[in-house]
């Protein structure tokens, strides 16, 4: 239990990665943890798409950057992207997908892999290009992008020290 609490407190977003792919055993553990995230009525509406091919990671990065109006790499050189999508026909789809994202990042911390939640997946997969990817991947068009969980091993300077916790974060009534 103490290890779990330490992992939750020590996990930080990584914004600079080594060009080394995540080990298969670690990736499988992270993915399995993602599938155990709580979902409304246990429906398990989200899906996780594992992207490790450099050309596809680059394509997703470009799509995300275009939404931001930049040409920088919003995936910070991470070699692996876990795209989380969820079924919009479920009333809890957004929360279900967000919980999967949390499990993925916390599991990554537990197995020594760094991560970061990259937003704009909704816009990426609502685009014509994103819809074409969903079709290619066999995912129905009523699935919506929830987030991109980038994974890898941190390069020097990739993780910053945590900011102090804000005053009034917890309110007891």
Protein backbone atom coordinates (compact mmCIF):
# COMPACT_ATOMS: atom_id res chain seq x y z
CA UNK A 1 0.00 0.00 0.00
CA UNK A 2 2.80 2.43 0.86
CA UNK A 3 4.36 1.84 -2.57
CA UNK A 4 1.07 2.64 -4.30
CA UNK A 5 0.74 5.90 -2.37
CA UNK A 6 4.35 6.81 -3.16
CA UNK A 7 3.80 6.13 -6.87
CA UNK A 8 0.71 8.35 -6.85
CA UNK A 9 2.62 11.16 -5.12
CA UNK A 10 5.81 10.86 -7.19
CA UNK A 11 4.31 10.54 -10.69
CA UNK A 12 5.13 13.56 -12.82
CA UNK A 13 4.56 14.41 -16.45
CA UNK A 14 7.65 13.84 -18.57
CA UNK A 15 8.36 16.28 -21.37
CA UNK A 16 11.63 14.93 -22.78
CA UNK A 17 12.20 11.30 -23.75
CA UNK A 18 15.01 9.02 -24.79
CA UNK A 19 14.55 7.40 -28.23
CA UNK A 20 14.23 3.95 -26.61
CA UNK A 21 11.00 1.97 -27.01
CA UNK A 22 9.13 0.86 -23.88
CA UNK A 23 9.92 -2.73 -22.92
CA UNK A 24 7.15 -5.14 -23.87
CA UNK A 25 6.72 -6.50 -20.33
CA UNK A 26 6.33 -2.99 -18.91
CA UNK A 27 3.97 -1.94 -21.71
CA UNK A 28 1.78 -4.99 -21.15
CA UNK A 29 1.56 -4.26 -17.42
CA UNK A 30 0.58 -0.64 -18.14
CA UNK A 31 -2.06 -1.70 -20.66
CA UNK A 32 -3.53 -4.29 -18.34
CA UNK A 33 -3.83 -1.68 -15.58
CA UNK A 34 -5.66 0.58 -18.02
CA UNK A 35 -8.26 -2.12 -18.64
CA UNK A 36 -8.98 -2.27 -14.91
CA UNK A 37 -10.01 1.38 -14.62
CA UNK A 38 -13.50 1.84 -13.22
CA UNK A 39 -16.18 2.51 -15.83
CA UNK A 40 -19.84 3.41 -15.50
CA UNK A 41 -21.86 0.25 -14.84
CA UNK A 42 -18.73 -1.75 -15.62
CA UNK A 43 -19.39 -1.24 -19.35
CA UNK A 44 -15.70 -0.88 -20.26
CA UNK A 45 -16.53 1.53 -23.10
CA UNK A 46 -12.98 2.85 -23.72
CA UNK A 47 -10.45 1.34 -26.08
CA UNK A 48 -6.68 1.81 -26.01
CA UNK A 49 -4.81 2.01 -29.30
CA UNK A 50 -1.08 1.28 -28.96
CA UNK A 51 1.03 3.27 -31.43
CA UNK A 52 4.75 2.51 -31.62
CA UNK A 53 5.56 2.82 -35.32
CA UNK A 54 7.67 5.99 -35.60
CA UNK A 55 5.87 7.19 -38.75
CA UNK A 56 2.45 6.86 -37.09
CA UNK A 57 3.64 8.49 -33.86
CA UNK A 58 4.93 11.37 -36.03
CA UNK A 59 1.58 11.60 -37.84
CA UNK A 60 -0.36 11.79 -34.58
CA UNK A 61 2.10 14.37 -33.27
CA UNK A 62 1.63 16.48 -36.40
CA UNK A 63 -2.17 16.24 -36.12
CA UNK A 64 -2.02 17.31 -32.48
CA UNK A 65 0.39 20.17 -33.24
CA UNK A 66 -1.87 21.48 -36.01
CA UNK A 67 -4.73 21.79 -33.52
CA UNK A 68 -2.44 23.85 -31.28
CA UNK A 69 -1.35 25.95 -34.26
CA UNK A 70 2.31 24.99 -33.91
CA UNK A 71 4.88 22.83 -35.64
CA UNK A 72 6.61 21.64 -32.45
CA UNK A 73 6.30 18.04 -31.18
CA UNK A 74 3.55 17.95 -28.53
CA UNK A 75 4.59 14.33 -27.79
CA UNK A 76 8.07 15.47 -26.66
CA UNK A 77 9.85 12.72 -28.58
CA UNK A 78 8.06 9.88 -26.76
CA UNK A 79 8.39 6.63 -28.71
CA UNK A 80 4.99 5.23 -27.66
CA UNK A 81 1.51 6.74 -27.71
CA UNK A 82 -1.53 5.13 -26.12
CA UNK A 83 -4.61 6.70 -27.67
CA UNK A 84 -7.65 6.38 -25.42
CA UNK A 85 -11.02 6.61 -27.11
CA UNK A 86 -14.45 5.99 -25.60
CA UNK A 87 -17.93 5.19 -26.85
CA UNK A 88 -20.05 8.35 -26.86
CA UNK A 89 -23.19 6.19 -26.69
CA UNK A 90 -22.35 5.58 -23.02
CA UNK A 91 -23.36 8.47 -20.73
CA UNK A 92 -20.16 8.10 -18.70
CA UNK A 93 -17.76 7.78 -21.66
CA UNK A 94 -15.71 10.90 -20.88
CA UNK A 95 -15.16 9.94 -17.25
CA UNK A 96 -14.50 6.31 -18.18
CA UNK A 97 -11.78 7.36 -20.61
CA UNK A 98 -10.25 9.81 -18.14
CA UNK A 99 -10.03 7.07 -15.52
CA UNK A 100 -8.28 4.81 -18.04
CA UNK A 101 -5.79 7.63 -18.68
CA UNK A 102 -5.14 7.93 -14.94
CA UNK A 103 -4.60 4.20 -14.55
CA UNK A 104 -2.20 4.15 -17.51
CA UNK A 105 -0.05 6.96 -16.10
CA UNK A 106 -0.03 5.60 -12.55
CA UNK A 107 0.83 2.10 -13.76
CA UNK A 108 3.64 3.55 -15.88
CA UNK A 109 5.08 5.16 -12.75
CA UNK A 110 4.83 1.85 -10.89
CA UNK A 111 6.90 -0.01 -13.53
CA UNK A 112 9.51 2.72 -14.08
CA UNK A 113 8.16 4.22 -17.30
CA UNK A 114 7.53 7.94 -17.71
CA UNK A 115 4.32 9.38 -19.13
CA UNK A 116 2.34 12.50 -19.90
CA UNK A 117 -1.33 13.16 -20.66
CA UNK A 118 -1.52 14.96 -24.00
CA UNK A 119 -4.86 16.59 -24.68
CA UNK A 120 -6.59 17.42 -27.99
CA UNK A 121 -7.42 13.77 -28.81
CA UNK A 122 -11.07 14.79 -29.18
CA UNK A 123 -10.21 17.25 -31.93
CA UNK A 124 -7.68 14.90 -33.54
CA UNK A 125 -10.21 12.12 -34.03
CA UNK A 126 -13.11 14.40 -34.94
CA UNK A 127 -11.10 15.55 -37.97
CA UNK A 128 -11.38 13.91 -41.37
CA UNK A 129 -7.88 12.49 -40.95
CA UNK A 130 -8.72 11.18 -37.49
CA UNK A 131 -11.97 9.62 -38.68
CA UNK A 132 -9.99 7.84 -41.42
CA UNK A 133 -7.64 6.43 -38.77
CA UNK A 134 -10.59 5.19 -36.69
CA UNK A 135 -11.96 3.44 -39.77
CA UNK A 136 -8.54 1.92 -40.53
CA UNK A 137 -8.27 0.70 -36.94
CA UNK A 138 -11.81 -0.79 -36.98
CA UNK A 139 -13.16 1.63 -34.37
CA UNK A 140 -16.73 2.93 -34.83
CA UNK A 141 -17.07 6.63 -35.61
CA UNK A 142 -19.11 7.24 -32.47
CA UNK A 143 -15.92 6.83 -30.42
CA UNK A 144 -14.36 10.07 -29.24
CA UNK A 145 -10.74 10.80 -28.44
CA UNK A 146 -10.22 11.23 -24.70
CA UNK A 147 -6.45 11.56 -24.47
CA UNK A 148 -3.03 10.55 -25.68
CA UNK A 149 -0.89 8.90 -23.03
CA UNK A 150 2.70 9.21 -24.18
CA UNK A 151 5.19 6.74 -22.74
CA UNK A 152 8.93 6.32 -22.67
CA UNK A 153 12.02 6.75 -20.55
CA UNK A 154 12.95 10.24 -19.45
CA UNK A 155 15.85 12.12 -20.90
CA UNK A 156 17.79 14.50 -18.69
CA UNK A 157 15.58 17.41 -17.68
CA UNK A 158 12.39 15.61 -18.76
CA UNK A 159 10.70 15.74 -15.37
CA UNK A 160 10.45 18.76 -13.08
CA UNK A 161 10.08 18.82 -9.33
CA UNK A 162 6.46 19.00 -8.16
CA UNK A 163 4.94 22.35 -7.32
CA UNK A 164 3.86 22.77 -3.71
CA UNK A 165 0.26 21.71 -3.12
CA UNK A 166 -2.05 24.73 -3.10
CA UNK A 167 -3.76 26.10 -0.02
CA UNK A 168 -7.39 25.07 0.27
CA UNK A 169 -6.98 21.97 -1.93
CA UNK A 170 -8.89 19.95 0.69
CA UNK A 171 -12.02 21.30 2.31
CA UNK A 172 -13.43 19.37 5.23
CA UNK A 173 -17.05 20.03 6.08
